């Protein structure tokens, strides 16, 4: 029998190849179908804390107040890594969200891409249909692990090298100024870009807001980003009717994407960084807030709140005025 099989395939090699190809295609299709099913039917698990989950095959739900969840996000946002996203909803679907009231953080999978994106959109739309008040959260994490202190040490070492290698005082001062500017601007620009919504974030906010308010005209959806220094919030400007109408006009004219890209690229034209002093936390926060003001217009409103404000609320202290 084996001899006959070998003779068959030796006489007709193209059939052998075709059979192998069909078997391979069958296995590939089956594997793809299996993965699609696992993504569209993820395993739902409870977690005590918010988790950055790289797997598209499971989702975590965390029962916490918004303030407790923000404390988790603050820890994640200090460490380089993947993005992640959640929808925060109240326990009672018709109650307004308050920072201290317990609700549910439902992971929507910010780290996943490719074939599971459509499934995630379906899940987000389901959550929007079921909840009259909702907050869309995601995190922007640092590109590198270098802290401000590490940056300042590296800068000091570089300046020492300049001073030891050049005798011309004027040249030394010029080089020191150039190096200081480069180091400071690099960290400053990175911190600001991480804290603010991108043009893609703004576009997603507008699309989801439009869908949400068609379902819940008297509800509220908000969008927030957790980064190294605090929480940026970006929403449609008030009154909603005017911002939605302006959005539709720009969309109809094919200019909405261009408008959002301009709004998201305000950092270079607004922030003036001091090149003489060490880069301090309050400098960065002040710069981020300047950009938020510049990004805001009659369509979108962007604000920034440092983590200290939320900590004061959580500790039941009288918080300083939120600017």
C-alpha atoms as a PDB file:
ATOM      1  CA  UNK A   1       0.000   0.000   0.000  1.00  0.00           C
ATOM      2  CA  UNK A   2       2.795   2.434   0.940  1.00  0.00           C
ATOM      3  CA  UNK A   3       4.499   1.690  -2.371  1.00  0.00           C
ATOM      4  CA  UNK A   4       1.309   2.506  -4.294  1.00  0.00           C
ATOM      5  CA  UNK A   5       0.882   5.800  -2.413  1.00  0.00           C
ATOM      6  CA  UNK A   6       4.482   6.787  -3.125  1.00  0.00           C
ATOM      7  CA  UNK A   7       4.034   5.888  -6.788  1.00  0.00           C
ATOM      8  CA  UNK A   8       0.855   8.015  -6.961  1.00  0.00           C
ATOM      9  CA  UNK A   9       2.488  11.125  -5.567  1.00  0.00           C
ATOM     10  CA  UNK A  10       5.674  10.645  -7.554  1.00  0.00           C
ATOM     11  CA  UNK A  11       3.656  10.546 -10.783  1.00  0.00           C
ATOM     12  CA  UNK A  12       1.444  13.544  -9.857  1.00  0.00           C
ATOM     13  CA  UNK A  13       3.449  15.910  -7.619  1.00  0.00           C
ATOM     14  CA  UNK A  14       1.110  18.827  -8.321  1.00  0.00           C
ATOM     15  CA  UNK A  15      -1.741  16.945  -6.663  1.00  0.00           C
ATOM     16  CA  UNK A  16       0.412  16.322  -3.636  1.00  0.00           C
ATOM     17  CA  UNK A  17       1.177  20.043  -3.396  1.00  0.00           C
ATOM     18  CA  UNK A  18      -2.498  20.930  -3.830  1.00  0.00           C
ATOM     19  CA  UNK A  19      -3.554  18.565  -1.057  1.00  0.00           C
ATOM     20  CA  UNK A  20      -0.892  19.962   1.281  1.00  0.00           C
ATOM     21  CA  UNK A  21      -1.986  23.512   0.433  1.00  0.00           C
ATOM     22  CA  UNK A  22      -5.631  22.707   1.144  1.00  0.00           C
ATOM     23  CA  UNK A  23      -4.779  21.109   4.486  1.00  0.00           C
ATOM     24  CA  UNK A  24      -2.630  24.134   5.439  1.00  0.00           C
ATOM     25  CA  UNK A  25      -5.382  26.584   4.423  1.00  0.00           C
ATOM     26  CA  UNK A  26      -7.918  24.584   6.439  1.00  0.00           C
ATOM     27  CA  UNK A  27      -5.743  24.729   9.556  1.00  0.00           C
ATOM     28  CA  UNK A  28      -5.081  28.449   9.031  1.00  0.00           C
ATOM     29  CA  UNK A  29      -8.771  29.269   8.616  1.00  0.00           C
ATOM     30  CA  UNK A  30      -9.641  27.199  11.658  1.00  0.00           C
ATOM     31  CA  UNK A  31      -7.005  28.925  13.755  1.00  0.00           C
ATOM     32  CA  UNK A  32      -8.175  32.367  12.633  1.00  0.00           C
ATOM     33  CA  UNK A  33     -11.803  31.498  13.346  1.00  0.00           C
ATOM     34  CA  UNK A  34     -10.820  30.224  16.783  1.00  0.00           C
ATOM     35  CA  UNK A  35      -8.930  33.445  17.572  1.00  0.00           C
ATOM     36  CA  UNK A  36     -11.801  35.611  16.356  1.00  0.00           C
ATOM     37  CA  UNK A  37     -14.201  33.686  18.557  1.00  0.00           C
ATOM     38  CA  UNK A  38     -11.929  34.038  21.586  1.00  0.00           C
ATOM     39  CA  UNK A  39     -11.629  37.790  21.000  1.00  0.00           C
ATOM     40  CA  UNK A  40     -15.370  38.261  20.521  1.00  0.00           C
ATOM     41  CA  UNK A  41     -16.111  36.101  23.588  1.00  0.00           C
ATOM     42  CA  UNK A  42     -13.332  37.109  26.006  1.00  0.00           C
ATOM     43  CA  UNK A  43     -13.070  35.616  29.448  1.00  0.00           C
ATOM     44  CA  UNK A  44     -14.285  38.180  31.989  1.00  0.00           C
ATOM     45  CA  UNK A  45     -12.300  38.228  35.229  1.00  0.00           C
ATOM     46  CA  UNK A  46     -12.588  40.302  38.406  1.00  0.00           C
ATOM     47  CA  UNK A  47      -9.530  42.173  39.636  1.00  0.00           C
ATOM     48  CA  UNK A  48      -8.846  44.144  42.806  1.00  0.00           C
ATOM     49  CA  UNK A  49      -6.755  46.745  40.978  1.00  0.00           C
ATOM     50  CA  UNK A  50      -6.662  48.144  37.455  1.00  0.00           C
ATOM     51  CA  UNK A  51      -4.424  45.973  35.264  1.00  0.00           C
ATOM     52  CA  UNK A  52      -2.580  46.688  32.014  1.00  0.00           C
ATOM     53  CA  UNK A  53      -3.649  43.548  30.197  1.00  0.00           C
ATOM     54  CA  UNK A  54      -1.856  42.591  26.927  1.00  0.00           C
ATOM     55  CA  UNK A  55      -4.144  39.646  26.134  1.00  0.00           C
ATOM     56  CA  UNK A  56      -7.069  40.165  23.710  1.00  0.00           C
ATOM     57  CA  UNK A  57      -8.706  36.983  24.996  1.00  0.00           C
ATOM     58  CA  UNK A  58      -9.723  38.222  28.435  1.00  0.00           C
ATOM     59  CA  UNK A  59     -11.061  41.396  30.031  1.00  0.00           C
ATOM     60  CA  UNK A  60     -10.874  42.598  33.617  1.00  0.00           C
ATOM     61  CA  UNK A  61     -13.595  44.324  35.616  1.00  0.00           C
ATOM     62  CA  UNK A  62     -12.641  46.239  38.770  1.00  0.00           C
ATOM     63  CA  UNK A  63     -15.108  47.534  41.346  1.00  0.00           C
ATOM     64  CA  UNK A  64     -13.744  50.825  42.689  1.00  0.00           C
ATOM     65  CA  UNK A  65     -14.526  54.492  43.002  1.00  0.00           C
ATOM     66  CA  UNK A  66     -13.083  56.866  40.426  1.00  0.00           C
ATOM     67  CA  UNK A  67     -10.608  58.204  43.013  1.00  0.00           C
ATOM     68  CA  UNK A  68      -9.375  54.701  43.864  1.00  0.00           C
ATOM     69  CA  UNK A  69      -8.995  53.879  40.186  1.00  0.00           C
ATOM     70  CA  UNK A  70      -7.046  57.086  39.538  1.00  0.00           C
ATOM     71  CA  UNK A  71      -4.552  56.022  42.242  1.00  0.00           C
ATOM     72  CA  UNK A  72      -3.973  52.783  40.275  1.00  0.00           C
ATOM     73  CA  UNK A  73      -3.591  54.711  37.030  1.00  0.00           C
ATOM     74  CA  UNK A  74      -1.047  57.031  38.610  1.00  0.00           C
ATOM     75  CA  UNK A  75       1.163  54.043  39.479  1.00  0.00           C
ATOM     76  CA  UNK A  76       0.906  52.603  35.955  1.00  0.00           C
ATOM     77  CA  UNK A  77       1.568  55.986  34.321  1.00  0.00           C
ATOM     78  CA  UNK A  78       4.980  56.334  35.985  1.00  0.00           C
ATOM     79  CA  UNK A  79       6.335  53.229  34.219  1.00  0.00           C
ATOM     80  CA  UNK A  80       7.068  52.856  30.477  1.00  0.00           C
ATOM     81  CA  UNK A  81       4.832  50.335  28.732  1.00  0.00           C
ATOM     82  CA  UNK A  82       1.689  49.718  26.714  1.00  0.00           C
ATOM     83  CA  UNK A  83      -1.422  51.829  26.779  1.00  0.00           C
ATOM     84  CA  UNK A  84      -4.646  50.494  28.246  1.00  0.00           C
ATOM     85  CA  UNK A  85      -8.250  51.679  28.236  1.00  0.00           C
ATOM     86  CA  UNK A  86     -11.352  51.387  30.398  1.00  0.00           C
ATOM     87  CA  UNK A  87     -14.930  52.554  30.528  1.00  0.00           C
ATOM     88  CA  UNK A  88     -15.861  53.725  34.021  1.00  0.00           C
ATOM     89  CA  UNK A  89     -19.573  53.352  34.792  1.00  0.00           C
ATOM     90  CA  UNK A  90     -21.621  53.811  38.006  1.00  0.00           C
ATOM     91  CA  UNK A  91     -23.253  50.887  39.802  1.00  0.00           C
ATOM     92  CA  UNK A  92     -26.631  52.469  39.149  1.00  0.00           C
ATOM     93  CA  UNK A  93     -26.781  53.064  35.403  1.00  0.00           C
ATOM     94  CA  UNK A  94     -28.932  56.182  35.806  1.00  0.00           C
ATOM     95  CA  UNK A  95     -26.890  57.906  38.540  1.00  0.00           C
ATOM     96  CA  UNK A  96     -24.426  60.715  37.915  1.00  0.00           C
ATOM     97  CA  UNK A  97     -20.765  59.750  38.469  1.00  0.00           C
ATOM     98  CA  UNK A  98     -19.069  61.319  41.480  1.00  0.00           C
ATOM     99  CA  UNK A  99     -15.367  60.801  42.346  1.00  0.00           C
ATOM    100  CA  UNK A 100     -15.996  58.929  45.611  1.00  0.00           C
ATOM    101  CA  UNK A 101     -19.015  56.825  44.568  1.00  0.00           C
ATOM    102  CA  UNK A 102     -18.136  53.195  43.815  1.00  0.00           C
ATOM    103  CA  UNK A 103     -18.540  52.074  40.218  1.00  0.00           C
ATOM    104  CA  UNK A 104     -17.087  49.614  37.709  1.00  0.00           C
ATOM    105  CA  UNK A 105     -13.917  49.980  35.660  1.00  0.00           C
ATOM    106  CA  UNK A 106     -14.520  47.824  32.574  1.00  0.00           C
ATOM    107  CA  UNK A 107     -11.431  47.177  30.479  1.00  0.00           C
ATOM    108  CA  UNK A 108     -11.889  47.872  26.782  1.00  0.00           C
ATOM    109  CA  UNK A 109      -8.429  46.767  25.668  1.00  0.00           C
ATOM    110  CA  UNK A 110      -6.230  49.717  24.756  1.00  0.00           C
ATOM    111  CA  UNK A 111      -3.205  47.475  24.079  1.00  0.00           C
ATOM    112  CA  UNK A 112      -4.895  45.271  21.497  1.00  0.00           C
ATOM    113  CA  UNK A 113      -4.849  45.904  17.743  1.00  0.00           C
ATOM    114  CA  UNK A 114      -5.699  44.332  14.378  1.00  0.00           C
ATOM    115  CA  UNK A 115      -8.612  41.886  14.212  1.00  0.00           C
ATOM    116  CA  UNK A 116      -9.995  42.602  17.713  1.00  0.00           C
ATOM    117  CA  UNK A 117     -10.566  46.338  17.118  1.00  0.00           C
ATOM    118  CA  UNK A 118     -14.047  45.823  15.665  1.00  0.00           C
ATOM    119  CA  UNK A 119     -14.990  43.642  18.615  1.00  0.00           C
ATOM    120  CA  UNK A 120     -13.823  46.297  21.044  1.00  0.00           C
ATOM    121  CA  UNK A 121     -15.948  48.896  19.286  1.00  0.00           C
ATOM    122  CA  UNK A 122     -18.972  46.644  19.665  1.00  0.00           C
ATOM    123  CA  UNK A 123     -18.273  46.331  23.413  1.00  0.00           C
ATOM    124  CA  UNK A 124     -17.829  50.102  23.810  1.00  0.00           C
ATOM    125  CA  UNK A 125     -21.101  50.762  22.000  1.00  0.00           C
ATOM    126  CA  UNK A 126     -22.860  48.246  24.248  1.00  0.00           C
ATOM    127  CA  UNK A 127     -21.575  50.014  27.358  1.00  0.00           C
ATOM    128  CA  UNK A 128     -22.704  53.366  25.954  1.00  0.00           C
ATOM    129  CA  UNK A 129     -26.194  52.028  25.254  1.00  0.00           C
ATOM    130  CA  UNK A 130     -26.529  50.589  28.748  1.00  0.00           C
ATOM    131  CA  UNK A 131     -25.203  53.544  30.757  1.00  0.00           C
ATOM    132  CA  UNK A 132     -26.528  57.082  30.881  1.00  0.00           C
ATOM    133  CA  UNK A 133     -23.313  58.392  32.484  1.00  0.00           C
ATOM    134  CA  UNK A 134     -19.901  57.101  31.494  1.00  0.00           C
ATOM    135  CA  UNK A 135     -16.210  58.065  31.454  1.00  0.00           C
ATOM    136  CA  UNK A 136     -13.760  56.797  28.842  1.00  0.00           C
ATOM    137  CA  UNK A 137     -10.283  56.442  30.402  1.00  0.00           C
ATOM    138  CA  UNK A 138      -6.929  55.505  28.905  1.00  0.00           C
ATOM    139  CA  UNK A 139      -3.290  55.939  29.909  1.00  0.00           C
ATOM    140  CA  UNK A 140      -0.300  57.478  28.168  1.00  0.00           C
ATOM    141  CA  UNK A 141       2.932  56.076  29.589  1.00  0.00           C
ATOM    142  CA  UNK A 142       6.512  57.409  29.325  1.00  0.00           C
ATOM    143  CA  UNK A 143       8.628  56.443  26.328  1.00  0.00           C
ATOM    144  CA  UNK A 144      11.606  55.736  28.600  1.00  0.00           C
ATOM    145  CA  UNK A 145      12.346  55.110  32.255  1.00  0.00           C
ATOM    146  CA  UNK A 146      14.532  58.213  32.632  1.00  0.00           C
ATOM    147  CA  UNK A 147      13.265  60.499  35.413  1.00  0.00           C
ATOM    148  CA  UNK A 148      13.819  64.234  35.697  1.00  0.00           C
ATOM    149  CA  UNK A 149      16.515  63.527  38.301  1.00  0.00           C
ATOM    150  CA  UNK A 150      18.305  61.141  35.917  1.00  0.00           C
ATOM    151  CA  UNK A 151      18.090  63.748  33.174  1.00  0.00           C
ATOM    152  CA  UNK A 152      19.592  66.440  35.408  1.00  0.00           C
ATOM    153  CA  UNK A 153      22.475  64.133  36.432  1.00  0.00           C
ATOM    154  CA  UNK A 154      23.215  63.285  32.803  1.00  0.00           C
ATOM    155  CA  UNK A 155      23.079  66.974  31.932  1.00  0.00           C
ATOM    156  CA  UNK A 156      25.484  67.846  34.790  1.00  0.00           C
ATOM    157  CA  UNK A 157      27.939  65.192  33.565  1.00  0.00           C
ATOM    158  CA  UNK A 158      27.789  66.571  30.033  1.00  0.00           C
ATOM    159  CA  UNK A 159      28.439  70.112  31.266  1.00  0.00           C
ATOM    160  CA  UNK A 160      31.461  68.902  33.286  1.00  0.00           C
ATOM    161  CA  UNK A 161      32.848  67.333  30.106  1.00  0.00           C
ATOM    162  CA  UNK A 162      32.436  70.619  28.234  1.00  0.00           C
ATOM    163  CA  UNK A 163      34.150  72.626  30.990  1.00  0.00           C
ATOM    164  CA  UNK A 164      37.105  70.223  31.135  1.00  0.00           C
ATOM    165  CA  UNK A 165      37.598  70.036  27.354  1.00  0.00           C
ATOM    166  CA  UNK A 166      37.395  73.725  26.403  1.00  0.00           C
ATOM    167  CA  UNK A 167      39.404  76.678  27.734  1.00  0.00           C
ATOM    168  CA  UNK A 168      37.547  79.426  25.889  1.00  0.00           C
ATOM    169  CA  UNK A 169      34.978  80.685  28.444  1.00  0.00           C
ATOM    170  CA  UNK A 170      32.665  82.195  25.831  1.00  0.00           C
ATOM    171  CA  UNK A 171      32.580  78.945  23.881  1.00  0.00           C
ATOM    172  CA  UNK A 172      31.994  76.949  27.077  1.00  0.00           C
ATOM    173  CA  UNK A 173      28.993  79.097  28.029  1.00  0.00           C
ATOM    174  CA  UNK A 174      27.540  78.832  24.533  1.00  0.00           C
ATOM    175  CA  UNK A 175      27.903  75.037  24.478  1.00  0.00           C
ATOM    176  CA  UNK A 176      26.439  74.730  27.980  1.00  0.00           C
ATOM    177  CA  UNK A 177      23.398  76.765  26.936  1.00  0.00           C
ATOM    178  CA  UNK A 178      22.867  74.670  23.798  1.00  0.00           C
ATOM    179  CA  UNK A 179      23.183  71.371  25.683  1.00  0.00           C
ATOM    180  CA  UNK A 180      20.879  72.552  28.488  1.00  0.00           C
ATOM    181  CA  UNK A 181      18.254  73.632  25.951  1.00  0.00           C
ATOM    182  CA  UNK A 182      18.396  70.267  24.183  1.00  0.00           C
ATOM    183  CA  UNK A 183      18.102  68.231  27.388  1.00  0.00           C
ATOM    184  CA  UNK A 184      15.299  70.328  28.860  1.00  0.00           C
ATOM    185  CA  UNK A 185      13.268  70.611  25.691  1.00  0.00           C
ATOM    186  CA  UNK A 186      13.518  66.876  25.070  1.00  0.00           C
ATOM    187  CA  UNK A 187      12.084  65.940  28.455  1.00  0.00           C
ATOM    188  CA  UNK A 188       9.640  68.819  28.456  1.00  0.00           C
ATOM    189  CA  UNK A 189       8.214  68.005  25.026  1.00  0.00           C
ATOM    190  CA  UNK A 190       7.954  64.327  25.942  1.00  0.00           C
ATOM    191  CA  UNK A 191       6.088  65.046  29.192  1.00  0.00           C
ATOM    192  CA  UNK A 192       3.655  67.386  27.460  1.00  0.00           C
ATOM    193  CA  UNK A 193       2.917  65.068  24.550  1.00  0.00           C
ATOM    194  CA  UNK A 194       2.232  62.185  26.941  1.00  0.00           C
ATOM    195  CA  UNK A 195      -0.193  64.296  28.982  1.00  0.00           C
ATOM    196  CA  UNK A 196      -2.362  65.586  26.139  1.00  0.00           C
ATOM    197  CA  UNK A 197      -4.834  64.002  23.725  1.00  0.00           C
ATOM    198  CA  UNK A 198      -3.586  63.348  20.209  1.00  0.00           C
ATOM    199  CA  UNK A 199      -5.509  64.215  17.054  1.00  0.00           C
ATOM    200  CA  UNK A 200      -6.621  60.560  16.952  1.00  0.00           C
ATOM    201  CA  UNK A 201      -7.851  60.809  20.556  1.00  0.00           C
ATOM    202  CA  UNK A 202      -9.816  63.959  19.710  1.00  0.00           C
ATOM    203  CA  UNK A 203     -11.346  62.336  16.650  1.00  0.00           C
ATOM    204  CA  UNK A 204     -12.354  59.265  18.659  1.00  0.00           C
ATOM    205  CA  UNK A 205     -13.902  61.498  21.338  1.00  0.00           C
ATOM    206  CA  UNK A 206     -16.021  63.342  18.777  1.00  0.00           C
ATOM    207  CA  UNK A 207     -17.223  60.144  17.090  1.00  0.00           C
ATOM    208  CA  UNK A 208     -18.149  58.411  20.366  1.00  0.00           C
ATOM    209  CA  UNK A 209     -19.759  61.582  21.758  1.00  0.00           C
ATOM    210  CA  UNK A 210     -21.957  61.895  18.690  1.00  0.00           C
ATOM    211  CA  UNK A 211     -23.059  58.262  18.999  1.00  0.00           C
ATOM    212  CA  UNK A 212     -23.622  58.557  22.751  1.00  0.00           C
ATOM    213  CA  UNK A 213     -25.750  61.728  22.699  1.00  0.00           C
ATOM    214  CA  UNK A 214     -27.994  60.267  20.026  1.00  0.00           C
ATOM    215  CA  UNK A 215     -28.814  57.492  22.507  1.00  0.00           C
ATOM    216  CA  UNK A 216     -28.805  59.607  25.707  1.00  0.00           C
ATOM    217  CA  UNK A 217     -29.535  63.276  24.900  1.00  0.00           C
ATOM    218  CA  UNK A 218     -29.727  64.032  28.635  1.00  0.00           C
ATOM    219  CA  UNK A 219     -26.775  61.802  29.626  1.00  0.00           C
ATOM    220  CA  UNK A 220     -23.065  62.591  29.827  1.00  0.00           C
ATOM    221  CA  UNK A 221     -19.927  60.992  28.392  1.00  0.00           C
ATOM    222  CA  UNK A 222     -16.473  62.276  29.378  1.00  0.00           C
ATOM    223  CA  UNK A 223     -12.981  61.422  28.167  1.00  0.00           C
ATOM    224  CA  UNK A 224      -9.839  61.342  30.304  1.00  0.00           C
ATOM    225  CA  UNK A 225      -6.143  60.496  29.914  1.00  0.00           C
ATOM    226  CA  UNK A 226      -3.932  59.491  32.845  1.00  0.00           C
ATOM    227  CA  UNK A 227      -0.258  60.338  32.373  1.00  0.00           C
ATOM    228  CA  UNK A 228       2.826  60.855  34.525  1.00  0.00           C
ATOM    229  CA  UNK A 229       1.675  64.144  36.099  1.00  0.00           C
ATOM    230  CA  UNK A 230      -2.107  64.003  36.241  1.00  0.00           C
ATOM    231  CA  UNK A 231      -5.392  63.630  34.367  1.00  0.00           C
ATOM    232  CA  UNK A 232      -6.246  65.450  31.136  1.00  0.00           C
ATOM    233  CA  UNK A 233      -9.936  65.694  30.313  1.00  0.00           C
ATOM    234  CA  UNK A 234     -11.146  66.422  26.787  1.00  0.00           C
ATOM    235  CA  UNK A 235     -14.787  66.743  25.797  1.00  0.00           C
ATOM    236  CA  UNK A 236     -17.092  68.558  23.434  1.00  0.00           C
ATOM    237  CA  UNK A 237     -17.315  72.220  24.393  1.00  0.00           C
ATOM    238  CA  UNK A 238     -20.447  73.616  25.996  1.00  0.00           C
ATOM    239  CA  UNK A 239     -23.108  74.180  24.946  1.00  0.00           C
ATOM    240  CA  UNK A 240     -23.186  70.749  23.347  1.00  0.00           C
ATOM    241  CA  UNK A 241     -25.606  71.730  20.602  1.00  0.00           C
ATOM    242  CA  UNK A 242     -23.193  74.378  19.273  1.00  0.00           C
ATOM    243  CA  UNK A 243     -20.048  72.221  19.396  1.00  0.00           C
ATOM    244  CA  UNK A 244     -21.861  69.324  17.708  1.00  0.00           C
ATOM    245  CA  UNK A 245     -23.151  71.600  14.952  1.00  0.00           C
ATOM    246  CA  UNK A 246     -19.683  73.093  14.343  1.00  0.00           C
ATOM    247  CA  UNK A 247     -18.270  69.549  14.199  1.00  0.00           C
ATOM    248  CA  UNK A 248     -20.824  68.538  11.574  1.00  0.00           C
ATOM    249  CA  UNK A 249     -20.029  71.618   9.483  1.00  0.00           C
ATOM    250  CA  UNK A 250     -16.279  70.859   9.510  1.00  0.00           C
ATOM    251  CA  UNK A 251     -16.951  67.193   8.747  1.00  0.00           C
ATOM    252  CA  UNK A 252     -19.175  68.123   5.823  1.00  0.00           C
ATOM    253  CA  UNK A 253     -16.476  70.447   4.475  1.00  0.00           C
ATOM    254  CA  UNK A 254     -13.823  67.738   4.889  1.00  0.00           C
ATOM    255  CA  UNK A 255     -11.819  69.900   7.304  1.00  0.00           C
ATOM    256  CA  UNK A 256     -12.427  68.190  10.654  1.00  0.00           C
ATOM    257  CA  UNK A 257      -9.231  66.087  10.699  1.00  0.00           C
ATOM    258  CA  UNK A 258      -7.129  69.125   9.785  1.00  0.00           C
ATOM    259  CA  UNK A 259      -8.791  71.156  12.533  1.00  0.00           C
ATOM    260  CA  UNK A 260      -8.083  68.484  15.169  1.00  0.00           C
ATOM    261  CA  UNK A 261      -4.462  68.101  14.061  1.00  0.00           C
ATOM    262  CA  UNK A 262      -3.956  71.845  14.508  1.00  0.00           C
ATOM    263  CA  UNK A 263      -5.571  71.768  17.950  1.00  0.00           C
ATOM    264  CA  UNK A 264      -3.309  68.874  18.982  1.00  0.00           C
ATOM    265  CA  UNK A 265      -0.113  70.600  17.817  1.00  0.00           C
ATOM    266  CA  UNK A 266      -0.095  73.684  20.006  1.00  0.00           C
ATOM    267  CA  UNK A 267       2.883  72.868  22.257  1.00  0.00           C
ATOM    268  CA  UNK A 268       5.668  74.437  20.209  1.00  0.00           C
ATOM    269  CA  UNK A 269       3.839  77.730  19.692  1.00  0.00           C
ATOM    270  CA  UNK A 270       2.667  78.293  23.272  1.00  0.00           C
ATOM    271  CA  UNK A 271       5.031  76.943  25.923  1.00  0.00           C
ATOM    272  CA  UNK A 272       8.075  79.026  26.901  1.00  0.00           C
ATOM    273  CA  UNK A 273      10.527  76.893  28.877  1.00  0.00           C
ATOM    274  CA  UNK A 274      13.170  78.351  31.178  1.00  0.00           C
ATOM    275  CA  UNK A 275      16.586  77.072  30.111  1.00  0.00           C
ATOM    276  CA  UNK A 276      18.483  78.191  33.210  1.00  0.00           C
ATOM    277  CA  UNK A 277      16.691  76.353  36.009  1.00  0.00           C
ATOM    278  CA  UNK A 278      16.284  72.622  36.643  1.00  0.00           C
ATOM    279  CA  UNK A 279      13.150  71.187  35.096  1.00  0.00           C
ATOM    280  CA  UNK A 280      10.629  71.125  37.945  1.00  0.00           C
ATOM    281  CA  UNK A 281       7.293  69.345  38.232  1.00  0.00           C
ATOM    282  CA  UNK A 282       5.335  72.584  38.558  1.00  0.00           C
ATOM    283  CA  UNK A 283       6.951  73.908  35.361  1.00  0.00           C
ATOM    284  CA  UNK A 284       5.686  70.893  33.458  1.00  0.00           C
ATOM    285  CA  UNK A 285       2.174  71.107  34.929  1.00  0.00           C
ATOM    286  CA  UNK A 286       1.982  74.825  34.140  1.00  0.00           C
ATOM    287  CA  UNK A 287       3.120  74.113  30.573  1.00  0.00           C
ATOM    288  CA  UNK A 288       0.542  71.362  30.114  1.00  0.00           C
ATOM    289  CA  UNK A 289      -2.206  73.692  31.300  1.00  0.00           C
ATOM    290  CA  UNK A 290      -1.111  76.364  28.832  1.00  0.00           C
ATOM    291  CA  UNK A 291      -1.386  73.836  26.032  1.00  0.00           C
ATOM    292  CA  UNK A 292      -4.841  72.756  27.234  1.00  0.00           C
ATOM    293  CA  UNK A 293      -6.012  76.361  26.997  1.00  0.00           C
ATOM    294  CA  UNK A 294      -4.539  76.672  23.505  1.00  0.00           C
ATOM    295  CA  UNK A 295      -6.133  73.394  22.359  1.00  0.00           C
ATOM    296  CA  UNK A 296      -9.597  74.425  23.548  1.00  0.00           C
ATOM    297  CA  UNK A 297     -11.981  76.190  21.198  1.00  0.00           C
ATOM    298  CA  UNK A 298     -15.696  76.251  20.397  1.00  0.00           C
ATOM    299  CA  UNK A 299     -15.652  72.550  19.525  1.00  0.00           C
ATOM    300  CA  UNK A 300     -13.457  70.925  22.182  1.00  0.00           C
ATOM    301  CA  UNK A 301     -12.594  71.721  25.787  1.00  0.00           C
ATOM    302  CA  UNK A 302      -9.346  70.373  27.289  1.00  0.00           C
ATOM    303  CA  UNK A 303      -8.321  70.699  30.961  1.00  0.00           C
ATOM    304  CA  UNK A 304      -5.587  69.213  33.143  1.00  0.00           C
ATOM    305  CA  UNK A 305      -5.701  68.284  36.841  1.00  0.00           C
ATOM    306  CA  UNK A 306      -2.567  67.107  38.702  1.00  0.00           C
ATOM    307  CA  UNK A 307      -2.730  64.016  40.917  1.00  0.00           C
ATOM    308  CA  UNK A 308      -2.322  66.149  44.053  1.00  0.00           C
ATOM    309  CA  UNK A 309      -5.900  67.386  43.622  1.00  0.00           C
ATOM    310  CA  UNK A 310      -7.323  63.846  43.577  1.00  0.00           C
ATOM    311  CA  UNK A 311      -5.151  62.825  46.538  1.00  0.00           C
ATOM    312  CA  UNK A 312      -6.583  65.693  48.577  1.00  0.00           C
ATOM    313  CA  UNK A 313     -10.113  64.553  47.735  1.00  0.00           C
ATOM    314  CA  UNK A 314      -9.308  60.959  48.644  1.00  0.00           C
ATOM    315  CA  UNK A 315      -7.793  62.042  51.976  1.00  0.00           C
ATOM    316  CA  UNK A 316     -10.898  64.141  52.761  1.00  0.00           C
ATOM    317  CA  UNK A 317      -8.833  67.300  52.854  1.00  0.00           C
ATOM    318  CA  UNK A 318     -10.055  70.632  51.595  1.00  0.00           C
ATOM    319  CA  UNK A 319      -8.709  70.605  48.041  1.00  0.00           C
ATOM    320  CA  UNK A 320      -7.079  73.590  46.473  1.00  0.00           C
ATOM    321  CA  UNK A 321      -9.034  75.251  43.715  1.00  0.00           C
ATOM    322  CA  UNK A 322      -8.991  73.203  40.527  1.00  0.00           C
ATOM    323  CA  UNK A 323      -7.834  75.406  37.685  1.00  0.00           C
END
